[in-house]
Protein backbone atom coordinates (compact mmCIF):
# COMPACT_ATOMS: atom_id res chain seq x y z
CA MET A 1 48.36 -28.06 -32.51
CA PRO A 2 48.13 -27.66 -36.65
CA LYS A 3 50.84 -26.16 -38.50
CA LEU A 4 49.63 -23.43 -40.16
CA SER A 5 51.82 -22.20 -43.32
CA LYS A 6 53.48 -18.79 -43.72
CA GLU A 7 49.80 -17.18 -45.28
CA ALA A 8 47.64 -18.20 -43.09
CA LYS A 9 50.03 -16.56 -40.06
CA GLN A 10 50.79 -13.70 -41.76
CA ARG A 11 46.65 -13.25 -42.54
CA LEU A 12 45.84 -13.67 -38.64
CA GLN A 13 48.96 -10.89 -38.09
CA GLN A 14 46.91 -8.58 -40.12
CA LEU A 15 43.33 -9.60 -38.60
CA PHE A 16 45.59 -8.87 -35.01
CA LYS A 17 46.69 -5.41 -36.70
CA GLY A 18 43.39 -4.70 -37.77
CA GLY A 19 41.29 -5.69 -34.66
CA GLN A 20 43.87 -3.69 -32.39
CA PHE A 21 43.66 -0.22 -34.74
CA ALA A 22 39.94 -0.77 -34.66
CA ILE A 23 40.37 -0.88 -30.58
CA ARG A 24 42.32 2.02 -30.34
CA TRP A 25 40.69 4.05 -32.57
CA GLY A 26 37.28 3.13 -31.73
CA PHE A 27 36.73 2.65 -28.20
CA ILE A 28 35.92 6.73 -27.36
CA PRO A 29 34.14 7.38 -30.42
CA VAL A 30 31.56 4.81 -29.32
CA VAL A 31 31.49 5.97 -25.86
CA LEU A 32 30.29 8.98 -26.32
CA TYR A 33 28.18 8.28 -29.45
CA LEU A 34 26.30 5.90 -25.84
CA GLY A 35 26.64 8.93 -23.65
CA PHE A 36 24.73 10.81 -25.91
CA LYS A 37 21.91 9.09 -27.41
CA ARG A 38 21.09 7.62 -24.08
CA GLY A 39 21.49 10.92 -22.62
CA ALA A 40 22.12 13.04 -18.98
CA ASP A 41 21.20 11.30 -16.25
CA PRO A 42 18.77 12.80 -13.55
CA GLY A 43 20.24 16.31 -12.54
CA MET A 44 23.03 16.57 -14.78
CA PRO A 45 23.37 19.40 -17.71
CA GLU A 46 22.88 17.63 -21.45
CA PRO A 47 25.81 16.74 -22.78
CA THR A 48 27.06 18.96 -26.03
CA ILE A 49 29.05 18.79 -28.49
CA MET A 50 30.70 21.94 -27.07
CA ARG A 51 31.38 20.98 -23.81
CA TYR A 52 33.79 18.35 -25.04
CA MET A 53 35.69 20.34 -27.89
CA TYR A 54 36.22 22.95 -24.79
CA LEU A 55 37.26 20.22 -22.40
CA LEU A 56 39.43 18.09 -25.55
CA ALA A 57 40.54 21.46 -26.62
CA GLY A 58 41.83 23.60 -23.91
CA GLY A 59 39.69 23.41 -20.62
CA VAL A 60 42.15 21.02 -18.83
CA LEU A 61 44.94 23.55 -20.37
CA CYS A 62 43.90 25.97 -18.81
CA TRP A 63 42.79 24.18 -15.50
CA ASP A 64 46.39 23.64 -15.44
CA TRP A 65 47.27 27.27 -15.71
CA GLN A 66 45.60 28.82 -13.45
CA LEU A 67 47.13 26.80 -10.02
């Protein structure tokens, strides 16, 4: 295995940290974008921003509260 300089190791660490950040914070927005772009399956209601906002803001909490 070739020896890497300290500077090269630091650059690789920064690259991996940037990749982790992009995957962690970019996965869900990409999935939502692809879902809106493709549209709903036949027989299912069309996806709307308000439906997702309801689920994120309080839909799940209201569901637990009613139990």
